Amino acid sequence: MKFKEPYPKADLLLEEGVSISVFPKPGLNWKMAESCDPKEKECQEKQAVAWPSKSAEVEVIGPNKKSKTVDPFTGEEITEEYSPIRVTYTYENASGKEITKSEKGWIEASFVRLKQEAPTKRKPEPKSNDPLISLNAPKAPPETRAKECDPEPPPIKKSDKNDLSKLKRAIEVHAYDAQVELLMEKVGKCIKAKPELFSSSGIANYDLFVLPEIKAEPVPRIEKMVDISTNSTPKIVSVPMTRDDLINIDAVARTLYAEVAVCFKKGLQHPLAVSRVIDNRNTLSNPKNNSQAEIKRAKMYEESYAREKHAPGTPILTKIVTSPSQFNVWMGTHKKEKKDKTFEVIPNPALGNALCPLPEKYKKIEEHSKKKTIPYQVSVWKNSVRIATELVLHNHAFKDRFPKPKTKKEERESMTSNHVFYTSHMTDFYNYKRVYPKIEGYSLDPKGCVQIWKDPKIEVN
């Protein structure tokens, strides 16, 4: 493609109300800009030049360029592709005056999609019967009742697989929003721990650093929906959430954020797939009844998925998602390859993101989110809390996201109860079989951002 004026126009693949940083050169990101001293000239050259949202006018002014960078979520050195753009957008200044700004800069190419020059007309599609969209979500308690759902937005083309709007609409069950806002104040507290204190002795870092803090938080008055259905009678009851629920939401949200935040930009199907793996492990690790055989069976799975030492009384789900041998983000150290192909042991950079997913300065932005856009990294954390909230407080609704397959084709594309492992960028994983499920009709990234593996020894139920 030749780049000359008029430049090709493009869309930003962002959720509504979310902004993203544009930088003066490729290879920069928000974490680099925050980690340096703004008084230094070198740091000033790393600062963003624009903060557009989905509604901005975007032009692609040159070819993409690959550049080495450090992933802001994992701390790993990676090669990323960037697009040079000219962006024009309107924002409100501190005085409430609308300002129109136009800047040139670079942005990750995965957030940019060229507009079609001559979009073809298509017949209107029938209203979606997607179980997530039509799901009768449990009502929030009276003091936190959410507003009525917005009208159904128009259908989205399958070609728009990176557009987050459909999955955002699916994940954001409006009856949960008020609960999520309350929980955002309780979970994800920023804990600054010196890397030299990170445990590498098998003791769970979550229990060392986070558990004392979350135990000190008052449990908010939020209802939890519990499925007590029998084979003959479906029944869901409402009970107050417990201390264990609060701990579980905090642990799941931190793990999703630090483990797969880099995959959120490829679609919310990726964190949803990982959360399904987590839920499957938790289901297997909890006895279905009080028989000695069932308790023994569940204990076997718990010991398999939560091998490390944990504090007495730590909930099973929290143990599962914070065990370093299962979720690398909670490891105290990390092996880094050097130029001579040898490895050195360094403090795990991803653990810092798990301990401090949302610095205090962003919480001030969150308080004003109704009037302003929120940075992309804040939206990643908020969606992590949303997923964790549904998994813990509305588990029956969470499971409805993954309907049982009825045909061979559905079985190939569904996530079932024996999908208990996930990896990234691996060609094989022990003797387990890789599966290729779709979440809400969306495929997982074929390049391996999240890969799902099933254990054939586990019976599908």
Protein backbone atom coordinates (compact mmCIF):
# COMPACT_ATOMS: atom_id res chain seq x y z
CA MET A 1 0.00 0.00 0.00
CA LYS A 2 1.25 3.48 -0.91
CA PHE A 3 0.82 6.11 1.77
CA LYS A 4 0.10 9.58 0.46
CA GLU A 5 -2.59 12.15 1.15
CA PRO A 6 -5.43 11.58 1.50
CA TYR A 7 -4.21 8.89 3.88
CA PRO A 8 -6.31 5.74 4.42
CA LYS A 9 -8.70 6.08 7.34
CA ALA A 10 -8.88 3.58 10.17
CA ASP A 11 -10.78 2.64 13.32
CA LEU A 12 -9.36 2.14 16.81
CA LEU A 13 -10.32 -1.26 18.19
CA LEU A 14 -11.25 -0.09 21.67
CA GLU A 15 -14.24 -0.40 23.95
CA GLU A 16 -16.50 2.60 24.43
CA GLY A 17 -15.17 4.99 27.07
CA VAL A 18 -11.58 3.71 26.83
CA SER A 19 -8.59 5.74 25.65
CA ILE A 20 -5.16 4.61 24.51
CA SER A 21 -1.79 6.34 24.45
CA VAL A 22 -0.06 7.38 21.22
CA PHE A 23 3.73 7.76 21.43
CA PRO A 24 6.31 9.74 19.44
CA LYS A 25 8.14 6.60 18.25
CA PRO A 26 7.55 2.83 18.10
CA GLY A 27 8.51 0.60 21.01
CA LEU A 28 7.16 2.87 23.76
CA ASN A 29 4.24 2.17 26.11
CA TRP A 30 2.50 3.55 29.19
CA LYS A 31 4.64 1.54 31.62
CA MET A 32 7.88 3.01 30.23
CA ALA A 33 6.46 6.50 30.50
CA GLU A 34 5.48 5.94 34.15
CA SER A 35 8.73 4.26 35.19
CA CYS A 36 11.10 7.14 34.45
CA ASP A 37 11.74 10.56 35.98
CA PRO A 38 9.68 13.14 34.03
CA LYS A 39 12.28 15.81 34.80
CA GLU A 40 14.87 14.01 32.67
CA LYS A 41 15.01 14.78 28.94
CA GLU A 42 15.16 11.11 28.01
CA CYS A 43 11.97 10.50 29.96
CA GLN A 44 10.18 13.42 28.32
CA GLU A 45 10.82 11.79 24.94
CA LYS A 46 8.97 8.67 26.17
CA GLN A 47 5.75 10.49 27.08
CA ALA A 48 2.55 10.04 25.09
CA VAL A 49 1.53 12.74 22.63
CA ALA A 50 -2.17 11.87 22.39
CA TRP A 51 -4.88 9.88 24.19
CA PRO A 52 -7.63 9.11 21.65
CA SER A 53 -10.70 6.96 22.23
CA LYS A 54 -12.83 4.86 19.87
CA SER A 55 -14.54 7.94 18.38
CA ALA A 56 -11.29 9.58 17.19
CA GLU A 57 -10.57 10.20 13.50
CA VAL A 58 -7.56 8.09 12.54
CA GLU A 59 -5.40 8.10 9.41
CA VAL A 60 -2.59 5.62 8.75
CA ILE A 61 0.29 7.70 7.39
CA GLY A 62 2.91 5.02 6.68
CA PRO A 63 3.79 1.34 6.71
CA ASN A 64 3.86 -0.66 9.93
CA LYS A 65 7.18 -1.12 11.69
CA LYS A 66 8.37 -3.83 14.06
CA SER A 67 10.26 -2.76 17.16
CA LYS A 68 11.64 -4.41 20.27
CA THR A 69 9.92 -3.39 23.48
CA VAL A 70 9.17 -4.55 27.02
CA ASP A 71 5.64 -5.82 27.56
CA PRO A 72 4.01 -3.51 30.14
CA PHE A 73 2.13 -6.35 31.83
CA THR A 74 4.65 -9.19 31.92
CA GLY A 75 7.95 -7.30 31.80
CA GLU A 76 9.20 -9.61 29.04
CA GLU A 77 11.23 -8.39 26.08
CA ILE A 78 9.15 -8.86 22.93
CA THR A 79 8.91 -7.67 19.32
CA GLU A 80 5.75 -5.70 18.60
CA GLU A 81 4.32 -4.23 15.40
CA TYR A 82 3.37 -0.53 15.36
CA SER A 83 1.34 1.68 13.02
CA PRO A 84 2.17 5.36 12.32
CA ILE A 85 -1.04 7.38 12.57
CA ARG A 86 -2.42 10.88 12.57
CA VAL A 87 -5.22 11.13 15.08
CA THR A 88 -7.78 13.90 15.63
CA TYR A 89 -10.04 13.88 18.67
CA THR A 90 -11.94 16.14 21.06
CA TYR A 91 -11.58 16.19 24.83
CA GLU A 92 -12.54 18.38 27.78
CA ASN A 93 -9.82 20.34 29.58
CA ALA A 94 -9.78 21.04 33.33
CA SER A 95 -12.12 24.01 32.81
CA GLY A 96 -14.68 21.89 30.99
CA LYS A 97 -13.89 23.47 27.62
CA GLU A 98 -13.88 21.21 24.57
CA ILE A 99 -10.48 21.07 22.84
CA THR A 100 -9.80 19.47 19.45
CA LYS A 101 -6.34 17.98 19.13
CA SER A 102 -4.49 16.51 16.15
CA GLU A 103 -1.20 14.65 16.57
CA LYS A 104 1.05 12.21 14.75
CA GLY A 105 2.56 9.22 16.51
CA TRP A 106 2.79 5.45 16.82
CA ILE A 107 0.40 2.88 18.27
CA GLU A 108 0.35 -0.92 18.47
CA ALA A 109 -0.91 -2.23 15.13
CA SER A 110 -3.32 -4.65 16.81
CA PHE A 111 -5.46 -1.66 17.85
CA VAL A 112 -5.75 -0.31 14.28
CA ARG A 113 -8.09 -1.56 11.55
CA LEU A 114 -8.28 0.07 8.12
CA LYS A 115 -11.76 1.11 7.07
CA GLN A 116 -13.28 -0.50 4.00
CA GLU A 117 -13.24 1.84 1.03
CA ALA A 118 -16.65 0.79 -0.26
CA PRO A 119 -18.58 -1.19 2.33
CA THR A 120 -21.10 -3.51 0.71
CA LYS A 121 -24.70 -3.49 1.80
CA ARG A 122 -25.84 -6.56 3.65
CA LYS A 123 -29.19 -7.88 4.66
CA PRO A 124 -30.15 -7.21 8.27
CA GLU A 125 -29.33 -10.20 10.42
CA PRO A 126 -31.83 -11.64 12.91
CA LYS A 127 -31.51 -10.58 16.52
CA SER A 128 -28.88 -12.67 18.25
CA ASN A 129 -30.01 -15.55 20.41
CA ASP A 130 -26.66 -15.54 22.14
CA PRO A 131 -27.20 -16.92 25.68
CA LEU A 132 -24.91 -14.27 27.13
CA ILE A 133 -26.90 -11.41 25.73
CA SER A 134 -30.33 -12.80 26.60
CA LEU A 135 -29.17 -14.17 29.95
CA ASN A 136 -31.56 -13.33 32.78
CA ALA A 137 -28.93 -12.08 35.20
CA PRO A 138 -29.76 -12.14 38.90
CA LYS A 139 -30.91 -8.81 40.26
CA ALA A 140 -28.49 -6.70 42.22
CA PRO A 141 -29.44 -5.86 45.82
CA PRO A 142 -31.77 -2.82 46.12
CA GLU A 143 -29.02 -0.42 47.18
CA THR A 144 -26.84 -1.38 44.21
CA ARG A 145 -29.47 -1.97 41.53
CA ALA A 146 -28.17 -1.28 38.04
CA LYS A 147 -29.89 0.62 35.23
CA GLU A 148 -31.88 -1.15 32.55
CA CYS A 149 -29.89 -2.64 29.68
CA ASP A 150 -29.24 -0.53 26.63
CA PRO A 151 -31.02 -1.39 23.36
CA GLU A 152 -29.49 -4.25 21.38
CA PRO A 153 -26.68 -2.88 19.19
CA PRO A 154 -26.47 -3.95 15.52
CA PRO A 155 -24.87 -7.32 14.70
CA ILE A 156 -21.12 -7.49 14.09
CA LYS A 157 -19.43 -9.15 11.13
CA LYS A 158 -17.40 -12.26 11.73
CA SER A 159 -14.53 -10.46 10.02
CA ASP A 160 -14.43 -8.03 12.93
CA LYS A 161 -12.92 -10.68 15.20
CA ASN A 162 -10.71 -8.16 16.99
CA ASP A 163 -13.57 -5.74 17.68
CA LEU A 164 -14.22 -5.99 21.40
CA SER A 165 -17.69 -4.44 21.32
CA LYS A 166 -19.72 -7.67 20.99
CA LEU A 167 -17.80 -9.51 23.69
CA LYS A 168 -17.83 -6.39 25.84
CA ARG A 169 -21.61 -6.35 25.49
CA ALA A 170 -21.69 -10.03 26.43
CA ILE A 171 -19.44 -9.76 29.46
CA GLU A 172 -21.01 -6.61 30.83
CA VAL A 173 -24.25 -7.97 32.23
CA HIS A 174 -25.69 -4.73 33.50
CA ALA A 175 -27.14 -6.20 36.69
CA TYR A 176 -23.54 -6.86 37.81
CA ASP A 177 -22.16 -3.40 37.12
CA ALA A 178 -23.05 -1.88 40.48
CA GLN A 179 -21.49 -4.85 42.24
CA VAL A 180 -18.30 -4.48 40.20
CA GLU A 181 -18.08 -0.79 41.09
CA LEU A 182 -18.33 -1.65 44.78
CA LEU A 183 -15.75 -4.41 44.49
CA MET A 184 -13.31 -2.17 42.60
CA GLU A 185 -12.93 -0.27 45.87
CA LYS A 186 -12.09 -3.45 47.81
CA VAL A 187 -10.01 -5.68 45.55
CA GLY A 188 -6.73 -5.12 43.74
CA LYS A 189 -5.07 -2.98 46.40
CA CYS A 190 -1.62 -1.90 45.23
CA ILE A 191 0.95 -3.72 47.34
CA LYS A 192 4.53 -2.55 46.95
CA ALA A 193 6.88 -5.39 47.86
CA LYS A 194 10.63 -5.41 47.30
CA PRO A 195 11.57 -8.01 44.65
CA GLU A 196 14.20 -9.48 46.96
CA LEU A 197 11.35 -10.48 49.30
CA PHE A 198 9.55 -12.53 46.64
CA SER A 199 9.29 -16.13 47.79
CA SER A 200 10.85 -18.85 45.68
CA SER A 201 10.61 -21.56 48.33
CA GLY A 202 7.17 -22.90 47.43
CA ILE A 203 5.28 -20.56 49.79
CA ALA A 204 2.53 -18.78 47.88
CA ASN A 205 3.38 -15.10 47.33
CA TYR A 206 -0.34 -14.25 47.42
CA ASP A 207 -0.58 -15.56 50.98
CA LEU A 208 2.55 -13.64 52.02
CA PHE A 209 1.70 -10.23 50.57
CA VAL A 210 -1.97 -9.97 49.61
CA LEU A 211 -3.97 -12.18 51.96
CA PRO A 212 -3.35 -10.07 55.10
CA GLU A 213 -4.54 -6.94 53.25
CA ILE A 214 -7.71 -8.42 51.76
CA LYS A 215 -8.63 -10.03 55.09
CA ALA A 216 -8.61 -6.56 56.65
CA GLU A 217 -11.16 -5.24 54.12
CA PRO A 218 -14.81 -5.09 55.24
CA VAL A 219 -16.98 -7.46 53.22
CA PRO A 220 -19.38 -5.34 51.09
CA ARG A 221 -23.12 -5.94 51.20
CA ILE A 222 -23.48 -7.79 47.92
CA GLU A 223 -25.73 -10.72 47.06
CA LYS A 224 -24.37 -14.01 45.72
CA MET A 225 -26.55 -16.28 43.61
CA VAL A 226 -26.20 -19.96 44.50
CA ASP A 227 -27.52 -22.82 42.37
CA ILE A 228 -29.14 -25.47 44.62
CA SER A 229 -31.01 -27.18 41.79
CA THR A 230 -31.76 -30.90 41.92
CA ASN A 231 -32.32 -33.22 38.97
CA SER A 232 -36.03 -32.50 39.11
CA THR A 233 -36.20 -28.92 40.41
CA PRO A 234 -34.10 -25.96 39.22
CA LYS A 235 -33.58 -23.45 42.01
CA ILE A 236 -31.24 -20.49 42.52
CA VAL A 237 -31.17 -18.66 45.84
CA SER A 238 -29.65 -15.38 46.96
CA VAL A 239 -27.26 -15.26 49.93
CA PRO A 240 -24.84 -12.58 51.20
CA MET A 241 -21.31 -12.83 49.84
CA THR A 242 -18.70 -14.01 52.33
CA ARG A 243 -15.11 -13.19 53.22
CA ASP A 244 -13.97 -16.18 51.14
CA ASP A 245 -15.89 -14.78 48.13
CA LEU A 246 -14.09 -11.44 48.45
CA ILE A 247 -10.71 -13.19 48.65
CA ASN A 248 -11.56 -15.37 45.64
CA ILE A 249 -12.60 -12.39 43.49
CA ASP A 250 -9.40 -10.54 44.38
CA ALA A 251 -7.22 -13.58 43.60
CA VAL A 252 -8.93 -14.46 40.29
CA ALA A 253 -8.89 -10.83 39.06
CA ARG A 254 -5.19 -10.37 39.91
CA THR A 255 -4.29 -13.64 38.18
CA LEU A 256 -6.27 -12.88 35.02
CA TYR A 257 -4.79 -9.38 34.84
CA ALA A 258 -1.18 -10.41 35.29
CA GLU A 259 -1.35 -13.70 33.36
CA VAL A 260 -3.30 -12.76 30.22
CA ALA A 261 -3.54 -8.95 30.13
CA VAL A 262 -1.43 -8.98 26.98
CA CYS A 263 -4.16 -11.08 25.30
CA PHE A 264 -7.08 -8.75 26.12
CA LYS A 265 -6.33 -6.64 23.04
CA LYS A 266 -6.86 -9.76 20.89
CA GLY A 267 -10.37 -10.19 22.29
CA LEU A 268 -12.12 -10.95 25.57
CA GLN A 269 -12.51 -14.58 24.48
CA HIS A 270 -8.96 -15.14 25.77
CA PRO A 271 -9.45 -14.20 29.46
CA LEU A 272 -12.86 -15.92 29.34
CA ALA A 273 -11.19 -19.14 28.15
CA VAL A 274 -8.62 -18.97 30.97
CA SER A 275 -11.37 -18.28 33.50
CA ARG A 276 -13.21 -21.38 32.27
CA VAL A 277 -10.05 -23.44 32.92
CA ILE A 278 -9.95 -21.95 36.43
CA ASP A 279 -13.62 -22.74 37.05
CA ASN A 280 -13.18 -26.33 35.82
CA ARG A 281 -10.30 -26.87 38.23
CA ASN A 282 -12.29 -25.38 41.10
CA THR A 283 -15.31 -27.57 40.33
CA LEU A 284 -13.15 -30.70 40.29
CA SER A 285 -11.48 -29.70 43.58
CA ASN A 286 -14.72 -29.29 45.54
CA PRO A 287 -16.67 -32.40 46.65
CA LYS A 288 -20.17 -32.75 45.24
CA ASN A 289 -21.41 -34.52 48.38
CA ASN A 290 -20.18 -35.64 51.80
CA SER A 291 -19.28 -39.21 50.91
CA GLN A 292 -15.75 -40.32 51.75
CA ALA A 293 -15.09 -41.36 48.15
CA GLU A 294 -16.15 -37.96 46.80
CA ILE A 295 -14.13 -36.05 49.39
CA LYS A 296 -11.07 -38.16 48.52
CA ARG A 297 -11.57 -37.58 44.78
CA ALA A 298 -11.87 -33.80 45.19
CA LYS A 299 -8.84 -33.67 47.49
CA MET A 300 -6.77 -35.44 44.84
CA TYR A 301 -7.56 -32.69 42.32
CA GLU A 302 -7.01 -29.91 44.86
CA GLU A 303 -3.53 -31.24 45.64
CA SER A 304 -2.80 -31.47 41.92
CA TYR A 305 -3.88 -27.89 41.10
CA ALA A 306 -2.70 -26.22 44.34
CA ARG A 307 0.63 -27.79 45.22
CA GLU A 308 2.35 -25.00 47.12
CA LYS A 309 2.17 -24.08 50.80
CA HIS A 310 -0.76 -21.83 51.63
CA ALA A 311 -1.94 -20.13 54.79
CA PRO A 312 -4.45 -22.09 56.88
CA GLY A 313 -8.01 -21.38 55.78
CA THR A 314 -7.13 -20.03 52.32
CA PRO A 315 -10.14 -20.77 50.05
CA ILE A 316 -9.63 -23.58 47.53
CA LEU A 317 -10.25 -21.32 44.50
CA THR A 318 -7.64 -18.83 45.74
CA LYS A 319 -5.14 -21.64 46.26
CA ILE A 320 -5.76 -22.86 42.71
CA VAL A 321 -5.20 -19.49 41.00
CA THR A 322 -2.21 -18.37 43.10
CA SER A 323 -0.08 -21.51 43.10
CA PRO A 324 3.20 -20.59 41.35
CA SER A 325 3.62 -24.02 39.73
CA GLN A 326 0.27 -23.56 37.95
CA PHE A 327 0.20 -19.80 37.27
CA ASN A 328 3.69 -18.49 36.58
CA VAL A 329 2.76 -14.93 37.46
CA TRP A 330 2.99 -15.89 41.16
CA MET A 331 6.54 -17.26 40.88
CA GLY A 332 9.12 -15.35 42.88
CA THR A 333 11.85 -15.61 40.23
CA HIS A 334 12.04 -15.82 36.48
CA LYS A 335 14.68 -17.16 34.10
CA LYS A 336 15.87 -14.56 31.59
CA GLU A 337 17.85 -15.58 28.54
CA LYS A 338 21.06 -13.61 27.98
CA LYS A 339 22.77 -12.80 24.69
CA ASP A 340 25.14 -15.76 25.07
CA LYS A 341 22.05 -18.06 25.28
CA THR A 342 22.62 -18.77 28.98
CA PHE A 343 20.03 -17.91 31.61
CA GLU A 344 20.10 -15.71 34.67
CA VAL A 345 17.62 -15.83 37.54
CA ILE A 346 15.87 -12.49 38.18
CA PRO A 347 12.83 -11.40 40.24
CA ASN A 348 9.65 -12.23 38.33
CA PRO A 349 8.52 -8.93 36.69
CA ALA A 350 4.94 -10.17 36.22
CA LEU A 351 4.53 -10.68 39.98
CA GLY A 352 4.79 -6.93 40.47
CA ASN A 353 1.73 -6.46 38.21
CA ALA A 354 -0.22 -9.06 40.19
CA LEU A 355 0.64 -7.33 43.47
CA CYS A 356 -0.13 -3.86 42.12
CA PRO A 357 -2.59 -4.15 39.20
CA LEU A 358 -3.95 -0.61 39.52
CA PRO A 359 -1.77 2.17 41.00
CA GLU A 360 -3.56 4.74 43.14
CA LYS A 361 -3.38 7.47 40.46
CA TYR A 362 -5.67 5.45 38.19
CA LYS A 363 -8.26 4.99 40.91
CA LYS A 364 -8.79 8.75 40.83
CA ILE A 365 -9.52 8.45 37.12
CA GLU A 366 -11.91 5.58 37.84
CA GLU A 367 -13.93 7.82 40.17
CA HIS A 368 -14.62 10.14 37.25
CA SER A 369 -15.13 7.46 34.61
CA LYS A 370 -18.70 8.58 33.94
CA LYS A 371 -17.39 11.85 32.51
CA LYS A 372 -14.01 10.85 31.11
CA THR A 373 -12.50 7.99 29.21
CA ILE A 374 -10.35 5.59 31.17
CA PRO A 375 -6.91 4.38 30.04
CA TYR A 376 -6.73 1.01 28.30
CA GLN A 377 -4.78 -0.60 31.15
CA VAL A 378 -7.58 0.41 33.57
CA SER A 379 -10.19 -1.20 31.32
CA VAL A 380 -8.16 -4.44 31.36
CA TRP A 381 -8.25 -4.49 35.16
CA LYS A 382 -11.95 -3.61 35.29
CA ASN A 383 -12.83 -6.45 32.90
CA SER A 384 -10.70 -8.80 35.01
CA VAL A 385 -12.83 -7.85 38.04
CA ARG A 386 -16.02 -8.32 36.00
CA ILE A 387 -15.06 -11.84 34.98
CA ALA A 388 -13.96 -12.73 38.52
CA THR A 389 -17.21 -11.35 39.97
CA GLU A 390 -19.36 -13.47 37.71
CA LEU A 391 -17.26 -16.59 38.23
CA VAL A 392 -17.50 -16.29 42.03
CA LEU A 393 -20.84 -14.60 42.75
CA HIS A 394 -22.90 -15.78 39.76
CA ASN A 395 -21.31 -19.09 38.86
CA HIS A 396 -24.48 -20.52 37.32
CA ALA A 397 -24.54 -17.55 34.90
CA PHE A 398 -20.82 -17.95 34.24
CA LYS A 399 -21.33 -21.60 33.30
CA ASP A 400 -24.17 -20.57 30.97
CA ARG A 401 -21.51 -18.86 28.87
CA PHE A 402 -20.32 -22.34 27.90
CA PRO A 403 -23.41 -24.36 26.87
CA LYS A 404 -23.12 -28.13 26.65
CA PRO A 405 -22.46 -29.30 23.08
CA LYS A 406 -25.24 -31.20 21.31
CA THR A 407 -23.49 -32.10 18.07
CA LYS A 408 -19.99 -33.24 17.06
CA LYS A 409 -19.28 -29.80 15.58
CA GLU A 410 -20.41 -28.05 18.77
CA GLU A 411 -18.24 -30.44 20.77
CA ARG A 412 -15.17 -29.43 18.74
CA GLU A 413 -15.92 -25.73 19.29
CA SER A 414 -17.05 -25.82 22.93
CA MET A 415 -15.16 -25.50 26.20
CA THR A 416 -16.11 -28.46 28.37
CA SER A 417 -15.39 -29.55 31.93
CA ASN A 418 -12.25 -31.52 31.01
CA HIS A 419 -10.46 -28.47 29.57
CA VAL A 420 -8.20 -27.90 32.56
CA PHE A 421 -4.93 -26.57 31.12
CA TYR A 422 -3.90 -23.54 29.16
CA THR A 423 -0.52 -22.48 27.75
CA SER A 424 0.94 -19.84 25.44
CA HIS A 425 3.02 -20.45 22.32
CA MET A 426 3.59 -24.21 22.87
CA THR A 427 3.47 -26.96 20.24
CA ASP A 428 2.74 -29.74 22.71
CA PHE A 429 1.93 -30.13 26.39
CA TYR A 430 2.75 -33.48 27.97
CA ASN A 431 0.23 -36.08 26.78
CA TYR A 432 -2.74 -33.73 26.69
CA LYS A 433 -4.66 -32.95 23.53
CA ARG A 434 -4.97 -29.39 22.27
CA VAL A 435 -8.50 -28.21 21.50
CA TYR A 436 -9.71 -25.21 19.52
CA PRO A 437 -12.84 -23.88 21.21
CA LYS A 438 -14.78 -20.77 20.26
CA ILE A 439 -16.06 -18.36 22.90
CA GLU A 440 -19.24 -16.60 21.79
CA GLY A 441 -18.38 -17.58 18.23
CA TYR A 442 -14.90 -16.07 18.47
CA SER A 443 -11.83 -18.22 17.88
CA LEU A 444 -8.75 -17.95 20.05
CA ASP A 445 -5.67 -16.30 18.58
CA PRO A 446 -4.13 -18.86 16.18
CA LYS A 447 -0.63 -17.63 17.05
CA GLY A 448 -1.04 -19.07 20.52
CA CYS A 449 -1.84 -16.20 22.89
CA VAL A 450 -3.98 -18.73 24.78
CA GLN A 451 -3.96 -22.45 23.98
CA ILE A 452 -6.43 -24.82 25.62
CA TRP A 453 -5.68 -28.49 26.43
CA LYS A 454 -8.04 -31.21 27.60
CA ASP A 455 -7.44 -34.09 29.98
CA PRO A 456 -9.16 -37.12 28.37
CA LYS A 457 -9.13 -38.93 31.73
CA ILE A 458 -11.70 -36.47 33.09
CA GLU A 459 -15.30 -37.30 32.29
CA VAL A 460 -17.26 -34.48 30.63
CA ASN A 461 -20.35 -33.51 32.60
